[in-house]
Amino acid sequence: MAAATALRRLPRLRPALRCALPGAPRRGHRLSPADDELYQRTRISLLQREAPHVMYIDSYSSRGFTVNGNRVLGPCALLPHTVVQWNVGSHRDITEESFSLFWLLEPRIEIVVVGTGNRTERLQPAVLRALRQRGLSVEVQDTPNACATFNFLCHEGRVTAAALIPPPGETCLQVEAAE
């Protein structure tokens, strides 16, 4: 019974104990240089602002893409350290052979983000089946969303590739940066 009474009174005693500690700052008290001894200091070392080898899509237009400040005309394939022209005209031209580069690379690509222009278009089921059999995950989206998804996955440090077809028309947009 005495132990239960003592436990019930413990929360009421805690504020009194805090104030009784010598040198403890009160709430609302501004810290002075002498108060630093009561707290551990936090030290932050910034090694790199951004990884220099990471690919980011800065913008896209009907003519192509700007990747890491470099212009790329027409459809392109973005690999972890390289940009290459992708020889397709539209989503109808995408075949198993047009993805062959993605499963030959080391380290293995985790996911390929496919941008099919202004609209999300379905790829041929045989193409998707072949990619799954080779262990590639595929995300098919319209090109604006594919650009943003690619940037996000790269920002997370994933081994990502993109196969992008520029959207038709006179669009020219900046891709939002991943935070």
C-alpha atoms as a PDB file:
ATOM      1  CA  MET A   1       0.000   0.000   0.000  1.00  0.00           C
ATOM      2  CA  ALA A   2       2.820   2.386   0.875  1.00  0.00           C
ATOM      3  CA  ALA A   3       4.547   1.589  -2.448  1.00  0.00           C
ATOM      4  CA  ALA A   4       1.381   2.381  -4.405  1.00  0.00           C
ATOM      5  CA  THR A   5       1.026   5.723  -2.629  1.00  0.00           C
ATOM      6  CA  ALA A   6       4.664   6.584  -3.343  1.00  0.00           C
ATOM      7  CA  LEU A   7       4.236   5.703  -7.046  1.00  0.00           C
ATOM      8  CA  ARG A   8       1.136   7.898  -7.323  1.00  0.00           C
ATOM      9  CA  ARG A   9       2.994  10.838  -5.773  1.00  0.00           C
ATOM     10  CA  LEU A  10       6.040  10.402  -8.055  1.00  0.00           C
ATOM     11  CA  PRO A  11       4.669  12.458 -11.028  1.00  0.00           C
ATOM     12  CA  ARG A  12       3.883  15.316  -8.650  1.00  0.00           C
ATOM     13  CA  LEU A  13       7.428  15.241  -7.308  1.00  0.00           C
ATOM     14  CA  ARG A  14       9.165  15.317 -10.721  1.00  0.00           C
ATOM     15  CA  PRO A  15       8.711  19.082 -11.337  1.00  0.00           C
ATOM     16  CA  ALA A  16      10.117  19.795  -7.902  1.00  0.00           C
ATOM     17  CA  LEU A  17      13.127  17.583  -8.635  1.00  0.00           C
ATOM     18  CA  ARG A  18      13.829  19.409 -11.927  1.00  0.00           C
ATOM     19  CA  CYS A  19      13.938  22.793 -10.232  1.00  0.00           C
ATOM     20  CA  ALA A  20      16.072  21.441  -7.424  1.00  0.00           C
ATOM     21  CA  LEU A  21      18.943  20.439  -9.720  1.00  0.00           C
ATOM     22  CA  PRO A  22      21.683  23.047  -9.408  1.00  0.00           C
ATOM     23  CA  GLY A  23      22.613  24.772 -12.664  1.00  0.00           C
ATOM     24  CA  ALA A  24      19.687  23.395 -14.688  1.00  0.00           C
ATOM     25  CA  PRO A  25      18.272  26.053 -16.986  1.00  0.00           C
ATOM     26  CA  ARG A  26      14.612  26.957 -16.607  1.00  0.00           C
ATOM     27  CA  ARG A  27      12.150  26.907 -19.503  1.00  0.00           C
ATOM     28  CA  GLY A  28      12.308  30.063 -21.511  1.00  0.00           C
ATOM     29  CA  HIS A  29      15.820  30.678 -20.246  1.00  0.00           C
ATOM     30  CA  ARG A  30      18.254  31.768 -22.906  1.00  0.00           C
ATOM     31  CA  LEU A  31      21.401  29.713 -22.981  1.00  0.00           C
ATOM     32  CA  SER A  32      24.647  31.445 -22.272  1.00  0.00           C
ATOM     33  CA  PRO A  33      28.098  30.121 -23.185  1.00  0.00           C
ATOM     34  CA  ALA A  34      28.428  28.678 -19.667  1.00  0.00           C
ATOM     35  CA  ASP A  35      25.298  26.565 -20.238  1.00  0.00           C
ATOM     36  CA  ASP A  36      26.999  24.626 -23.065  1.00  0.00           C
ATOM     37  CA  GLU A  37      28.557  22.333 -20.506  1.00  0.00           C
ATOM     38  CA  LEU A  38      25.091  20.993 -19.656  1.00  0.00           C
ATOM     39  CA  TYR A  39      24.431  19.914 -23.231  1.00  0.00           C
ATOM     40  CA  GLN A  40      26.351  17.824 -25.724  1.00  0.00           C
ATOM     41  CA  ARG A  41      27.333  19.695 -28.810  1.00  0.00           C
ATOM     42  CA  THR A  42      26.226  18.421 -32.210  1.00  0.00           C
ATOM     43  CA  ARG A  43      28.745  18.512 -35.006  1.00  0.00           C
ATOM     44  CA  ILE A  44      27.725  18.150 -38.657  1.00  0.00           C
ATOM     45  CA  SER A  45      30.181  17.427 -41.431  1.00  0.00           C
ATOM     46  CA  LEU A  46      28.943  18.024 -44.957  1.00  0.00           C
ATOM     47  CA  LEU A  47      30.906  15.722 -47.237  1.00  0.00           C
ATOM     48  CA  GLN A  48      29.159  16.525 -50.521  1.00  0.00           C
ATOM     49  CA  ARG A  49      26.157  18.615 -51.413  1.00  0.00           C
ATOM     50  CA  GLU A  50      25.034  16.186 -54.114  1.00  0.00           C
ATOM     51  CA  ALA A  51      26.557  13.054 -55.518  1.00  0.00           C
ATOM     52  CA  PRO A  52      28.335  14.129 -58.721  1.00  0.00           C
ATOM     53  CA  HIS A  53      27.578  10.885 -60.563  1.00  0.00           C
ATOM     54  CA  VAL A  54      23.791  10.960 -60.053  1.00  0.00           C
ATOM     55  CA  MET A  55      21.639  11.717 -63.092  1.00  0.00           C
ATOM     56  CA  TYR A  56      18.869  14.315 -62.711  1.00  0.00           C
ATOM     57  CA  ILE A  57      16.392  15.497 -65.310  1.00  0.00           C
ATOM     58  CA  ASP A  58      16.315  19.293 -65.127  1.00  0.00           C
ATOM     59  CA  SER A  59      13.614  19.890 -67.753  1.00  0.00           C
ATOM     60  CA  TYR A  60      11.877  18.419 -70.777  1.00  0.00           C
ATOM     61  CA  SER A  61      10.348  19.767 -73.966  1.00  0.00           C
ATOM     62  CA  SER A  62       8.860  18.431 -77.180  1.00  0.00           C
ATOM     63  CA  ARG A  63      12.409  18.307 -78.600  1.00  0.00           C
ATOM     64  CA  GLY A  64      14.125  16.450 -75.752  1.00  0.00           C
ATOM     65  CA  PHE A  65      15.454  16.720 -72.222  1.00  0.00           C
ATOM     66  CA  THR A  66      17.988  18.603 -70.143  1.00  0.00           C
ATOM     67  CA  VAL A  67      19.922  16.135 -67.991  1.00  0.00           C
ATOM     68  CA  ASN A  68      22.464  17.481 -65.494  1.00  0.00           C
ATOM     69  CA  GLY A  69      22.575  20.708 -67.503  1.00  0.00           C
ATOM     70  CA  ASN A  70      23.191  18.959 -70.848  1.00  0.00           C
ATOM     71  CA  ARG A  71      20.639  18.960 -73.662  1.00  0.00           C
ATOM     72  CA  VAL A  72      19.572  15.630 -75.116  1.00  0.00           C
ATOM     73  CA  LEU A  73      17.520  15.661 -78.310  1.00  0.00           C
ATOM     74  CA  GLY A  74      14.781  13.110 -78.953  1.00  0.00           C
ATOM     75  CA  PRO A  75      13.985   9.908 -77.063  1.00  0.00           C
ATOM     76  CA  CYS A  76      16.722   8.876 -74.668  1.00  0.00           C
ATOM     77  CA  ALA A  77      17.718   6.178 -72.216  1.00  0.00           C
ATOM     78  CA  LEU A  78      19.144   7.385 -68.915  1.00  0.00           C
ATOM     79  CA  LEU A  79      21.439   4.918 -67.224  1.00  0.00           C
ATOM     80  CA  PRO A  80      23.123   5.387 -63.836  1.00  0.00           C
ATOM     81  CA  HIS A  81      26.149   7.175 -65.360  1.00  0.00           C
ATOM     82  CA  THR A  82      25.257   7.651 -69.033  1.00  0.00           C
ATOM     83  CA  VAL A  83      22.705   9.109 -71.409  1.00  0.00           C
ATOM     84  CA  VAL A  84      22.178   7.436 -74.793  1.00  0.00           C
ATOM     85  CA  GLN A  85      19.793   8.006 -77.661  1.00  0.00           C
ATOM     86  CA  TRP A  86      16.889   5.536 -77.611  1.00  0.00           C
ATOM     87  CA  ASN A  87      15.828   4.463 -81.077  1.00  0.00           C
ATOM     88  CA  VAL A  88      12.036   4.566 -80.719  1.00  0.00           C
ATOM     89  CA  GLY A  89       9.548   6.982 -82.233  1.00  0.00           C
ATOM     90  CA  SER A  90       6.511   6.263 -80.074  1.00  0.00           C
ATOM     91  CA  HIS A  91       5.277   3.757 -77.494  1.00  0.00           C
ATOM     92  CA  ARG A  92       4.250   1.440 -80.375  1.00  0.00           C
ATOM     93  CA  ASP A  93       7.928   1.072 -81.340  1.00  0.00           C
ATOM     94  CA  ILE A  94       8.964  -0.249 -77.909  1.00  0.00           C
ATOM     95  CA  THR A  95       9.974  -3.911 -78.155  1.00  0.00           C
ATOM     96  CA  GLU A  96      11.853  -6.403 -76.043  1.00  0.00           C
ATOM     97  CA  GLU A  97      14.937  -5.634 -78.115  1.00  0.00           C
ATOM     98  CA  SER A  98      14.718  -1.903 -77.345  1.00  0.00           C
ATOM     99  CA  PHE A  99      15.149  -2.754 -73.624  1.00  0.00           C
ATOM    100  CA  SER A 100      18.107  -5.127 -74.139  1.00  0.00           C
ATOM    101  CA  LEU A 101      20.619  -2.578 -72.879  1.00  0.00           C
ATOM    102  CA  PHE A 102      18.920  -2.371 -69.482  1.00  0.00           C
ATOM    103  CA  TRP A 103      19.420  -6.017 -68.492  1.00  0.00           C
ATOM    104  CA  LEU A 104      23.014  -6.189 -69.727  1.00  0.00           C
ATOM    105  CA  LEU A 105      24.327  -3.565 -67.307  1.00  0.00           C
ATOM    106  CA  GLU A 106      26.241  -4.088 -64.070  1.00  0.00           C
ATOM    107  CA  PRO A 107      25.288  -3.210 -61.385  1.00  0.00           C
ATOM    108  CA  ARG A 108      21.832  -4.508 -62.209  1.00  0.00           C
ATOM    109  CA  ILE A 109      19.116  -1.935 -62.736  1.00  0.00           C
ATOM    110  CA  GLU A 110      16.431  -2.168 -60.041  1.00  0.00           C
ATOM    111  CA  ILE A 111      13.704  -0.337 -61.905  1.00  0.00           C
ATOM    112  CA  VAL A 112      13.202   1.169 -65.357  1.00  0.00           C
ATOM    113  CA  VAL A 113      10.897   4.178 -65.545  1.00  0.00           C
ATOM    114  CA  VAL A 114       9.305   4.504 -68.990  1.00  0.00           C
ATOM    115  CA  GLY A 115       7.895   7.833 -70.161  1.00  0.00           C
ATOM    116  CA  THR A 116       5.479   7.371 -73.076  1.00  0.00           C
ATOM    117  CA  GLY A 117       4.779  11.014 -74.029  1.00  0.00           C
ATOM    118  CA  ASN A 118       1.764  13.098 -72.987  1.00  0.00           C
ATOM    119  CA  ARG A 119      -0.304  10.091 -71.912  1.00  0.00           C
ATOM    120  CA  THR A 120       0.404   6.860 -70.101  1.00  0.00           C
ATOM    121  CA  GLU A 121       0.279   4.214 -72.808  1.00  0.00           C
ATOM    122  CA  ARG A 122       0.242   0.466 -72.325  1.00  0.00           C
ATOM    123  CA  LEU A 123       3.256  -1.479 -73.460  1.00  0.00           C
ATOM    124  CA  GLN A 124       2.802  -4.802 -75.242  1.00  0.00           C
ATOM    125  CA  PRO A 125       2.171  -7.613 -72.717  1.00  0.00           C
ATOM    126  CA  ALA A 126       4.939  -9.721 -74.277  1.00  0.00           C
ATOM    127  CA  VAL A 127       7.448  -6.916 -73.655  1.00  0.00           C
ATOM    128  CA  LEU A 128       6.430  -6.549 -70.007  1.00  0.00           C
ATOM    129  CA  ARG A 129       6.555 -10.327 -69.506  1.00  0.00           C
ATOM    130  CA  ALA A 130      10.070 -10.508 -70.989  1.00  0.00           C
ATOM    131  CA  LEU A 131      11.286  -7.714 -68.702  1.00  0.00           C
ATOM    132  CA  ARG A 132       9.840  -9.401 -65.606  1.00  0.00           C
ATOM    133  CA  GLN A 133      11.481 -12.706 -66.588  1.00  0.00           C
ATOM    134  CA  ARG A 134      14.835 -10.927 -66.698  1.00  0.00           C
ATOM    135  CA  GLY A 135      14.286  -9.427 -63.246  1.00  0.00           C
ATOM    136  CA  LEU A 136      13.566  -5.832 -64.272  1.00  0.00           C
ATOM    137  CA  SER A 137      10.797  -3.850 -62.619  1.00  0.00           C
ATOM    138  CA  VAL A 138       9.079  -1.448 -64.993  1.00  0.00           C
ATOM    139  CA  GLU A 139       7.055   1.663 -64.185  1.00  0.00           C
ATOM    140  CA  VAL A 140       5.187   3.045 -67.219  1.00  0.00           C
ATOM    141  CA  GLN A 141       3.980   6.651 -66.908  1.00  0.00           C
ATOM    142  CA  ASP A 142       3.466   9.757 -68.976  1.00  0.00           C
ATOM    143  CA  THR A 143       6.767  11.555 -69.553  1.00  0.00           C
ATOM    144  CA  PRO A 144       6.287  14.414 -67.036  1.00  0.00           C
ATOM    145  CA  ASN A 145       5.555  11.975 -64.196  1.00  0.00           C
ATOM    146  CA  ALA A 146       8.281   9.596 -65.375  1.00  0.00           C
ATOM    147  CA  CYS A 147      10.834  12.427 -65.128  1.00  0.00           C
ATOM    148  CA  ALA A 148       9.755  13.249 -61.573  1.00  0.00           C
ATOM    149  CA  THR A 149       9.733   9.563 -60.565  1.00  0.00           C
ATOM    150  CA  PHE A 150      13.214   9.034 -62.019  1.00  0.00           C
ATOM    151  CA  ASN A 151      14.572  12.041 -60.089  1.00  0.00           C
ATOM    152  CA  PHE A 152      12.955  10.831 -56.869  1.00  0.00           C
ATOM    153  CA  LEU A 153      14.357   7.297 -57.208  1.00  0.00           C
ATOM    154  CA  CYS A 154      17.831   8.633 -58.009  1.00  0.00           C
ATOM    155  CA  HIS A 155      17.631  10.950 -55.007  1.00  0.00           C
ATOM    156  CA  GLU A 156      16.858   7.882 -52.854  1.00  0.00           C
ATOM    157  CA  GLY A 157      20.033   6.229 -54.151  1.00  0.00           C
ATOM    158  CA  ARG A 158      18.272   3.486 -56.119  1.00  0.00           C
ATOM    159  CA  VAL A 159      19.930   1.987 -59.208  1.00  0.00           C
ATOM    160  CA  THR A 160      17.431   3.400 -61.684  1.00  0.00           C
ATOM    161  CA  ALA A 161      17.190   3.808 -65.439  1.00  0.00           C
ATOM    162  CA  ALA A 162      14.711   5.719 -67.563  1.00  0.00           C
ATOM    163  CA  ALA A 163      13.486   5.292 -71.107  1.00  0.00           C
ATOM    164  CA  LEU A 164      11.875   8.547 -72.137  1.00  0.00           C
ATOM    165  CA  ILE A 165       9.951   9.748 -75.175  1.00  0.00           C
ATOM    166  CA  PRO A 166       9.519  13.544 -75.317  1.00  0.00           C
ATOM    167  CA  PRO A 167       5.902  14.686 -75.119  1.00  0.00           C
ATOM    168  CA  PRO A 168       4.601  16.082 -78.413  1.00  0.00           C
ATOM    169  CA  GLY A 169       3.502  19.705 -78.708  1.00  0.00           C
ATOM    170  CA  GLU A 170       5.227  22.853 -77.569  1.00  0.00           C
ATOM    171  CA  THR A 171       5.679  21.973 -73.906  1.00  0.00           C
ATOM    172  CA  CYS A 172       8.747  23.112 -72.001  1.00  0.00           C
ATOM    173  CA  LEU A 173       8.675  22.531 -68.277  1.00  0.00           C
ATOM    174  CA  GLN A 174      11.084  22.387 -65.387  1.00  0.00           C
ATOM    175  CA  VAL A 175      11.022  19.178 -63.366  1.00  0.00           C
ATOM    176  CA  GLU A 176      10.496  19.687 -59.641  1.00  0.00           C
ATOM    177  CA  ALA A 177      13.531  18.815 -57.522  1.00  0.00           C
ATOM    178  CA  ALA A 178      13.217  15.949 -55.012  1.00  0.00           C
ATOM    179  CA  GLU A 179      13.401  17.056 -51.399  1.00  0.00           C
END
